[in-house]
N, C-alpha and C. Protein backbone atom coordinates (compact mmCIF):
# COMPACT_ATOMS: atom_id res chain seq x y z
N UNK A 1 7.12 77.44 -23.60
CA UNK A 1 6.29 76.24 -23.79
C UNK A 1 6.32 75.96 -25.34
N UNK A 2 6.38 74.64 -25.72
CA UNK A 2 6.35 74.24 -27.18
C UNK A 2 5.05 73.72 -27.43
N UNK A 3 4.53 73.95 -28.56
CA UNK A 3 3.39 73.21 -28.90
C UNK A 3 3.61 71.98 -29.95
N UNK A 4 2.88 70.95 -29.81
CA UNK A 4 3.16 70.05 -30.86
C UNK A 4 1.96 69.89 -31.70
N UNK A 5 1.88 69.16 -32.81
CA UNK A 5 0.84 69.16 -33.86
C UNK A 5 -0.50 68.52 -33.30
N UNK A 6 -0.36 67.91 -32.20
CA UNK A 6 -1.48 67.16 -31.54
C UNK A 6 -2.48 67.92 -30.71
N UNK A 7 -2.26 69.00 -30.37
CA UNK A 7 -3.03 69.82 -29.67
C UNK A 7 -2.67 69.76 -28.20
N UNK A 8 -1.41 69.13 -28.13
CA UNK A 8 -0.89 69.16 -26.75
C UNK A 8 0.28 70.08 -26.63
N UNK A 9 0.16 70.54 -25.25
CA UNK A 9 1.48 71.55 -24.98
C UNK A 9 2.36 70.84 -24.43
N UNK A 10 3.64 71.16 -24.64
CA UNK A 10 4.90 70.61 -23.81
C UNK A 10 5.46 71.74 -23.11
N UNK A 11 5.70 71.32 -21.86
CA UNK A 11 6.45 71.91 -20.96
C UNK A 11 7.70 71.27 -20.34
N UNK A 12 8.30 72.04 -19.78
CA UNK A 12 9.62 71.49 -19.09
C UNK A 12 9.68 71.60 -17.73
N UNK A 13 9.88 70.75 -16.86
CA UNK A 13 10.02 71.06 -15.21
C UNK A 13 11.14 70.51 -14.66
N UNK A 14 11.72 71.00 -13.64
CA UNK A 14 12.93 70.48 -12.92
C UNK A 14 12.52 69.93 -11.61
N UNK A 15 13.01 68.93 -11.20
CA UNK A 15 12.60 68.13 -10.05
C UNK A 15 13.91 67.82 -9.11
N UNK A 16 13.82 67.89 -7.85
CA UNK A 16 15.03 67.42 -7.18
C UNK A 16 14.90 65.98 -7.41
N UNK A 17 16.25 65.41 -7.27
CA UNK A 17 16.52 63.91 -7.68
C UNK A 17 15.62 62.97 -6.85
N UNK A 18 15.37 63.22 -5.59
CA UNK A 18 14.33 62.37 -5.08
C UNK A 18 13.13 62.42 -5.34
N UNK A 19 12.43 63.64 -5.85
CA UNK A 19 11.04 63.76 -6.17
C UNK A 19 11.04 62.96 -7.59
N UNK A 20 12.27 63.12 -8.38
CA UNK A 20 12.12 62.48 -9.91
C UNK A 20 12.24 61.18 -9.57
N UNK A 21 12.94 60.51 -8.58
CA UNK A 21 12.90 59.06 -8.40
C UNK A 21 11.50 58.52 -7.97
N UNK A 22 10.88 59.30 -6.90
CA UNK A 22 9.52 58.73 -6.40
C UNK A 22 8.42 59.06 -7.76
N UNK A 23 8.56 60.03 -8.53
CA UNK A 23 7.91 59.90 -9.62
C UNK A 23 8.01 58.82 -10.68
N UNK A 24 9.26 58.46 -10.79
CA UNK A 24 9.42 57.34 -11.82
C UNK A 24 8.91 55.97 -11.19
N UNK A 25 9.10 55.93 -9.78
CA UNK A 25 8.36 54.74 -8.85
C UNK A 25 6.95 54.67 -9.17
N UNK A 26 6.32 55.91 -9.03
CA UNK A 26 4.86 56.06 -9.15
C UNK A 26 4.36 55.54 -10.36
N UNK A 27 5.09 56.08 -11.46
CA UNK A 27 4.80 55.66 -12.85
C UNK A 27 4.74 54.25 -13.01
N UNK A 28 5.64 53.58 -12.62
CA UNK A 28 5.78 52.13 -12.86
C UNK A 28 4.77 51.30 -11.81
N UNK A 29 4.61 51.84 -10.75
CA UNK A 29 3.56 51.10 -9.54
C UNK A 29 2.21 51.34 -10.12
N UNK A 30 1.89 52.56 -10.65
CA UNK A 30 0.47 52.71 -11.01
C UNK A 30 0.04 52.26 -12.47
N UNK A 31 1.26 51.89 -13.35
CA UNK A 31 1.13 51.56 -14.73
C UNK A 31 0.70 52.60 -15.73
N UNK A 32 1.22 53.93 -15.32
CA UNK A 32 1.04 55.00 -16.39
C UNK A 32 1.97 54.50 -17.66
N UNK A 33 1.74 55.12 -18.78
CA UNK A 33 2.70 54.81 -19.94
C UNK A 33 4.01 55.58 -19.73
N UNK A 34 3.93 56.91 -19.19
CA UNK A 34 5.09 57.71 -18.75
C UNK A 34 4.81 58.70 -18.09
N UNK A 35 5.83 59.38 -17.73
CA UNK A 35 6.05 60.54 -16.65
C UNK A 35 4.85 61.46 -17.11
N UNK A 36 4.69 62.07 -18.34
CA UNK A 36 3.76 62.99 -18.76
C UNK A 36 2.56 62.60 -18.37
N UNK A 37 1.98 61.36 -18.56
CA UNK A 37 0.55 60.86 -18.50
C UNK A 37 0.19 60.88 -16.80
N UNK A 38 1.44 60.59 -15.80
CA UNK A 38 1.21 60.64 -14.50
C UNK A 38 1.03 62.17 -14.04
N UNK A 39 2.04 62.93 -14.49
CA UNK A 39 1.83 64.24 -14.14
C UNK A 39 0.57 65.06 -14.51
N UNK A 40 -0.01 64.64 -15.80
CA UNK A 40 -1.17 65.08 -16.29
C UNK A 40 -2.38 64.85 -15.34
N UNK A 41 -2.26 63.64 -14.99
CA UNK A 41 -3.24 62.89 -13.90
C UNK A 41 -3.14 63.75 -12.77
N UNK A 42 -2.19 64.04 -12.32
CA UNK A 42 -1.98 64.82 -10.95
C UNK A 42 -2.40 66.16 -11.17
N UNK A 43 -2.35 66.68 -12.29
CA UNK A 43 -2.67 68.25 -12.50
C UNK A 43 -4.22 68.20 -12.49
N UNK A 44 -4.79 67.30 -13.38
CA UNK A 44 -6.16 67.10 -13.58
C UNK A 44 -6.95 67.02 -12.20
N UNK A 45 -6.27 66.07 -11.16
CA UNK A 45 -6.94 66.04 -10.09
C UNK A 45 -6.85 67.27 -9.38
N UNK A 46 -5.73 67.86 -9.28
CA UNK A 46 -5.53 69.29 -8.56
C UNK A 46 -6.54 70.43 -9.04
N UNK A 47 -6.79 70.28 -10.38
CA UNK A 47 -7.67 71.18 -10.92
C UNK A 47 -9.04 70.86 -10.53
N UNK A 48 -9.55 69.71 -10.43
CA UNK A 48 -10.78 69.42 -9.96
C UNK A 48 -11.12 69.58 -8.54
N UNK A 49 -9.86 69.52 -7.75
CA UNK A 49 -10.09 69.68 -6.50
C UNK A 49 -10.11 71.47 -6.37
N UNK A 50 -9.33 72.19 -7.07
CA UNK A 50 -9.43 73.38 -6.96
C UNK A 50 -10.88 74.10 -7.28
N UNK A 51 -11.57 73.58 -8.38
CA UNK A 51 -12.84 73.96 -8.51
C UNK A 51 -13.90 73.56 -7.49
N UNK A 52 -13.64 72.51 -6.93
CA UNK A 52 -14.51 72.01 -5.87
C UNK A 52 -14.37 72.93 -4.51
N UNK A 53 -13.34 73.41 -4.38
CA UNK A 53 -13.02 74.13 -3.19
C UNK A 53 -13.41 75.50 -3.44
N UNK A 54 -13.84 76.02 -4.56
CA UNK A 54 -14.12 77.53 -4.71
C UNK A 54 -15.47 77.95 -4.24
N UNK A 55 -16.16 76.88 -3.77
CA UNK A 55 -17.56 77.15 -3.42
C UNK A 55 -17.64 77.72 -1.91
N UNK A 56 -18.84 77.83 -1.57
CA UNK A 56 -19.22 78.26 -0.19
C UNK A 56 -19.87 77.16 0.54
N UNK A 57 -19.94 75.88 -0.09
CA UNK A 57 -20.59 74.82 0.55
C UNK A 57 -19.99 74.51 1.78
N UNK A 58 -20.86 74.19 2.88
CA UNK A 58 -20.14 73.73 4.21
C UNK A 58 -19.52 72.42 4.14
N UNK A 59 -18.33 72.19 4.52
CA UNK A 59 -17.59 70.94 4.31
C UNK A 59 -16.70 70.41 5.53
N UNK A 60 -16.44 69.38 5.76
CA UNK A 60 -15.61 68.78 6.79
C UNK A 60 -14.48 67.93 6.03
N UNK A 61 -13.43 68.23 6.79
CA UNK A 61 -12.16 67.51 6.43
C UNK A 61 -11.06 67.35 7.25
N UNK A 62 -9.82 67.28 6.47
CA UNK A 62 -8.44 67.23 7.31
C UNK A 62 -7.57 68.03 6.47
N UNK A 63 -6.49 68.91 7.27
CA UNK A 63 -5.65 69.18 6.67
C UNK A 63 -4.29 68.43 7.25
N UNK A 64 -3.55 68.02 6.43
CA UNK A 64 -2.46 67.20 6.82
C UNK A 64 -1.23 67.86 6.59
N UNK A 65 -0.12 68.22 7.56
CA UNK A 65 1.05 68.70 7.14
C UNK A 65 2.28 67.93 7.58
N UNK A 66 3.29 68.09 6.82
CA UNK A 66 4.66 67.53 7.07
C UNK A 66 5.56 68.32 7.39
N UNK A 67 6.34 68.33 8.44
CA UNK A 67 7.21 69.52 8.48
C UNK A 67 8.32 69.20 9.47
N UNK A 68 9.42 69.83 9.22
CA UNK A 68 10.74 69.63 10.25
C UNK A 68 10.68 70.94 11.16
N UNK A 69 10.68 70.51 12.46
CA UNK A 69 10.71 71.78 13.45
C UNK A 69 11.68 72.65 13.18
N UNK A 70 11.44 74.00 13.20
CA UNK A 70 12.54 75.11 13.22
C UNK A 70 11.86 76.24 14.10
N UNK A 71 12.72 76.98 14.46
CA UNK A 71 12.41 77.98 15.42
C UNK A 71 11.16 78.90 14.79
N UNK A 72 10.21 79.10 15.76
CA UNK A 72 9.12 79.98 15.26
C UNK A 72 7.97 79.11 14.32
N UNK A 73 8.10 78.27 13.85
CA UNK A 73 7.18 77.60 13.05
C UNK A 73 6.23 76.84 13.89
N UNK A 74 6.20 76.21 15.04
CA UNK A 74 5.19 75.79 15.91
C UNK A 74 4.15 77.03 16.38
N UNK A 75 4.84 78.16 16.79
CA UNK A 75 3.93 79.09 17.10
C UNK A 75 3.27 79.79 15.76
N UNK A 76 3.95 79.88 14.75
CA UNK A 76 3.34 80.39 13.51
C UNK A 76 1.97 79.53 13.01
N UNK A 77 2.22 78.11 13.07
CA UNK A 77 1.01 77.17 12.78
C UNK A 77 -0.01 77.40 13.77
N UNK A 78 0.51 77.42 15.17
CA UNK A 78 -0.75 77.58 16.22
C UNK A 78 -1.62 78.79 16.05
N UNK A 79 -0.74 80.02 15.63
CA UNK A 79 -1.41 81.37 15.51
C UNK A 79 -2.38 81.32 14.38
N UNK A 80 -2.14 80.60 13.31
CA UNK A 80 -3.16 80.53 12.27
C UNK A 80 -4.27 79.72 12.72
N UNK A 81 -4.14 78.59 13.34
CA UNK A 81 -5.13 77.73 13.85
C UNK A 81 -6.09 78.56 14.83
N UNK A 82 -5.37 79.39 15.56
CA UNK A 82 -6.33 80.19 16.53
C UNK A 82 -7.09 81.14 15.89
N UNK A 83 -6.45 81.69 14.70
CA UNK A 83 -7.21 82.67 14.07
C UNK A 83 -8.46 82.19 13.48
N UNK A 84 -8.42 81.12 13.18
CA UNK A 84 -9.70 80.25 12.36
C UNK A 84 -10.10 79.16 13.55
N UNK A 85 -10.27 79.69 14.64
CA UNK A 85 -10.79 78.65 15.70
C UNK A 85 -12.02 78.24 15.36
N UNK A 86 -12.94 78.88 14.60
CA UNK A 86 -14.47 78.42 14.46
C UNK A 86 -14.35 77.26 13.34
N UNK A 87 -13.32 77.32 12.61
CA UNK A 87 -13.22 76.24 11.48
C UNK A 87 -12.47 74.97 12.03
N UNK A 88 -11.16 75.15 12.74
CA UNK A 88 -10.30 74.21 13.36
C UNK A 88 -10.92 73.40 14.72
N UNK A 89 -11.24 72.29 14.36
CA UNK A 89 -12.00 71.64 15.45
C UNK A 89 -10.97 70.94 16.33
N UNK A 90 -9.87 70.42 15.83
CA UNK A 90 -8.90 69.66 16.64
C UNK A 90 -7.47 69.47 15.80
N UNK A 91 -6.42 69.16 16.61
CA UNK A 91 -5.28 68.92 15.73
C UNK A 91 -4.59 67.85 16.52
N UNK A 92 -3.84 66.98 15.75
CA UNK A 92 -2.89 66.20 16.47
C UNK A 92 -1.75 65.93 15.84
N UNK A 93 -0.60 65.97 16.70
CA UNK A 93 0.74 66.18 16.42
C UNK A 93 1.36 64.57 16.45
N UNK A 94 1.93 64.03 15.44
CA UNK A 94 2.66 62.74 15.37
C UNK A 94 3.98 62.90 15.06
N UNK A 95 5.08 62.51 16.16
CA UNK A 95 6.25 62.68 16.01
C UNK A 95 6.89 61.56 15.06
N UNK A 96 7.73 62.21 13.91
CA UNK A 96 8.30 61.18 13.05
C UNK A 96 9.78 61.25 13.33
N UNK A 97 10.37 60.46 12.47
CA UNK A 97 12.07 60.41 12.63
C UNK A 97 12.71 61.65 12.37
N UNK A 98 13.93 61.89 12.60
CA UNK A 98 14.70 62.96 12.00
C UNK A 98 14.03 64.32 12.45
N UNK A 99 13.47 64.49 13.68
CA UNK A 99 12.87 65.91 14.05
C UNK A 99 11.63 66.29 13.03
N UNK A 100 10.84 65.31 12.38
CA UNK A 100 10.13 65.80 11.48
C UNK A 100 8.83 65.33 12.35
N UNK A 101 7.59 66.17 11.90
CA UNK A 101 6.26 66.10 12.64
C UNK A 101 5.22 65.86 11.47
N UNK A 102 4.32 65.07 11.76
CA UNK A 102 3.00 65.08 10.80
C UNK A 102 1.98 65.70 11.88
N UNK A 103 1.29 66.66 11.39
CA UNK A 103 0.27 67.40 11.94
C UNK A 103 -1.05 66.99 11.29
N UNK A 104 -2.08 66.64 11.86
CA UNK A 104 -3.40 66.26 11.31
C UNK A 104 -4.44 67.21 11.99
N UNK A 105 -5.01 68.01 11.22
CA UNK A 105 -5.91 69.09 11.62
C UNK A 105 -7.37 68.90 11.06
N UNK A 106 -8.29 68.58 11.87
CA UNK A 106 -9.67 68.35 11.75
C UNK A 106 -10.38 69.72 11.52
N UNK A 107 -11.09 70.09 10.37
CA UNK A 107 -11.64 71.25 10.04
C UNK A 107 -12.93 71.16 9.56
N UNK A 108 -14.01 72.23 9.69
CA UNK A 108 -15.04 72.22 9.09
C UNK A 108 -15.38 73.73 8.88
N UNK A 109 -16.11 73.96 7.65
CA UNK A 109 -16.60 75.15 7.47
C UNK A 109 -16.83 75.43 5.98
N UNK A 110 -16.94 76.62 5.52
CA UNK A 110 -17.15 76.72 4.00
C UNK A 110 -15.99 76.38 3.19
N UNK A 111 -16.16 75.76 2.00
CA UNK A 111 -15.14 75.14 1.23
C UNK A 111 -13.89 76.05 0.94
N UNK A 112 -14.38 77.39 0.52
CA UNK A 112 -13.44 78.30 0.03
C UNK A 112 -12.49 78.85 1.57
N UNK A 113 -13.06 78.94 2.37
CA UNK A 113 -12.39 79.22 3.68
C UNK A 113 -11.52 78.16 4.24
N UNK A 114 -11.82 77.08 4.17
CA UNK A 114 -10.94 75.90 4.40
C UNK A 114 -9.57 75.69 3.51
N UNK A 115 -9.86 76.06 2.15
CA UNK A 115 -8.89 76.17 1.32
C UNK A 115 -7.94 77.21 1.50
N UNK A 116 -8.40 78.36 1.96
CA UNK A 116 -7.55 79.69 2.44
C UNK A 116 -6.79 79.24 3.73
N UNK A 117 -7.29 78.58 4.61
CA UNK A 117 -6.70 78.23 5.86
C UNK A 117 -5.66 77.31 5.51
N UNK A 118 -5.97 76.34 4.78
CA UNK A 118 -4.94 75.08 4.30
C UNK A 118 -3.75 76.00 3.42
N UNK A 119 -4.02 76.64 2.64
CA UNK A 119 -2.96 77.57 2.05
C UNK A 119 -1.96 78.16 2.94
N UNK A 120 -2.65 78.79 3.81
CA UNK A 120 -1.93 79.73 4.77
C UNK A 120 -0.86 78.62 5.67
N UNK A 121 -1.38 77.58 6.15
CA UNK A 121 -0.71 76.67 6.81
C UNK A 121 0.37 75.99 5.86
N UNK A 122 0.12 75.57 4.71
CA UNK A 122 1.01 74.72 3.95
C UNK A 122 2.26 75.48 3.47
N UNK A 123 2.04 76.83 3.17
CA UNK A 123 2.91 77.90 2.85
C UNK A 123 3.81 78.48 3.72
N UNK A 124 3.70 77.92 4.93
CA UNK A 124 4.61 78.34 6.30
C UNK A 124 6.04 77.86 5.92
N UNK A 125 7.11 78.76 6.10
CA UNK A 125 8.28 78.19 5.85
C UNK A 125 8.71 77.07 6.55
N UNK A 126 9.17 75.97 6.44
CA UNK A 126 9.43 74.86 7.01
C UNK A 126 8.39 73.67 6.94
N UNK A 127 7.27 73.92 6.21
CA UNK A 127 6.40 72.84 5.98
C UNK A 127 6.91 72.49 4.64
N UNK A 128 7.03 71.02 4.68
CA UNK A 128 7.55 70.35 3.37
C UNK A 128 6.56 69.86 2.54
N UNK A 129 5.21 69.46 3.20
CA UNK A 129 4.27 69.10 2.08
C UNK A 129 3.01 69.17 3.09
N UNK A 130 1.83 69.46 2.34
CA UNK A 130 0.42 69.67 3.02
C UNK A 130 -0.59 69.12 2.13
N UNK A 131 -1.68 68.92 2.56
CA UNK A 131 -2.93 68.66 1.61
C UNK A 131 -4.34 68.67 2.50
N UNK A 132 -5.13 69.14 1.92
CA UNK A 132 -6.36 69.50 2.43
C UNK A 132 -7.35 68.51 1.82
N UNK A 133 -8.16 67.59 2.53
CA UNK A 133 -9.10 66.77 1.97
C UNK A 133 -10.23 66.92 2.64
N UNK A 134 -11.39 67.25 1.60
CA UNK A 134 -12.65 67.50 2.16
C UNK A 134 -13.91 66.70 1.63
N UNK A 135 -14.80 66.66 2.18
CA UNK A 135 -16.00 66.07 1.70
C UNK A 135 -17.19 66.87 1.92
N UNK A 136 -18.15 66.76 1.25
CA UNK A 136 -19.46 67.62 1.38
C UNK A 136 -20.21 67.23 2.64
N UNK A 137 -20.05 66.11 3.35
CA UNK A 137 -20.42 65.83 4.36
C UNK A 137 -20.07 66.71 5.71
N UNK A 138 -20.91 66.93 6.61
CA UNK A 138 -20.45 67.74 7.82
C UNK A 138 -20.62 66.88 9.05
N UNK A 139 -19.81 67.20 10.12
CA UNK A 139 -19.94 66.60 11.41
C UNK A 139 -21.17 67.15 12.11
N UNK A 140 -21.81 66.59 13.06
CA UNK A 140 -22.98 67.02 13.88
C UNK A 140 -22.44 68.10 14.70
N UNK A 141 -23.24 68.88 15.04
CA UNK A 141 -22.72 70.04 15.99
C UNK A 141 -22.22 69.41 17.16
N UNK A 142 -21.08 69.96 17.89
CA UNK A 142 -20.77 69.60 18.96
C UNK A 142 -21.40 69.77 20.26
N UNK A 143 -22.23 70.66 20.10
CA UNK A 143 -23.29 70.86 21.38
C UNK A 143 -24.60 71.07 20.59
N UNK A 144 -25.68 70.44 21.21
CA UNK A 144 -27.03 70.52 20.50
C UNK A 144 -27.53 71.98 20.53
N UNK A 145 -28.10 72.37 19.53
CA UNK A 145 -28.67 73.60 19.48
C UNK A 145 -29.79 73.93 20.47
N UNK A 146 -29.79 74.99 20.89
CA UNK A 146 -30.78 75.54 22.09
C UNK A 146 -32.01 75.22 21.46
N UNK A 147 -32.90 74.70 22.18
CA UNK A 147 -34.42 74.58 21.83
C UNK A 147 -35.09 76.01 22.04
N UNK A 148 -35.96 76.36 20.98
CA UNK A 148 -36.63 77.59 21.13
C UNK A 148 -37.84 77.40 21.84
N UNK A 149 -38.36 78.44 22.44
CA UNK A 149 -39.66 78.47 23.11
C UNK A 149 -40.70 78.96 22.28
N UNK A 150 -41.83 78.24 22.19
CA UNK A 150 -43.09 78.55 21.48
C UNK A 150 -43.81 79.40 22.33
């Protein structure tokens, strides 16, 4: 890592050609001055999200996965979802072109736990991309709470 005189740190990254092309398109479409500004904004957003997810606040959201089906992947994803059945409310599979699938998983629970579940799913071999999006609002209970007798 090289340091410049302005208090800015310089790093070098390597990207696959298609990701580089998409980054260049993003820079032009969103009006960033350069790729560094775009990447800095992405990292800042990720850092904010990271700190938001460190807490124990009850949150609801979605985990979106994009993957290419391969032997064992579907059962691995299902096993993780079953392991966290209290947090995983439902999931939907959307078939895409070229043997790809988008899976949308509805979740609710402590923010830190949702992040951990998301990380487990996203890091499965074959998952190309994934993201957890959560809000501090929660869903109403699926079943009413039992009334207490006085």
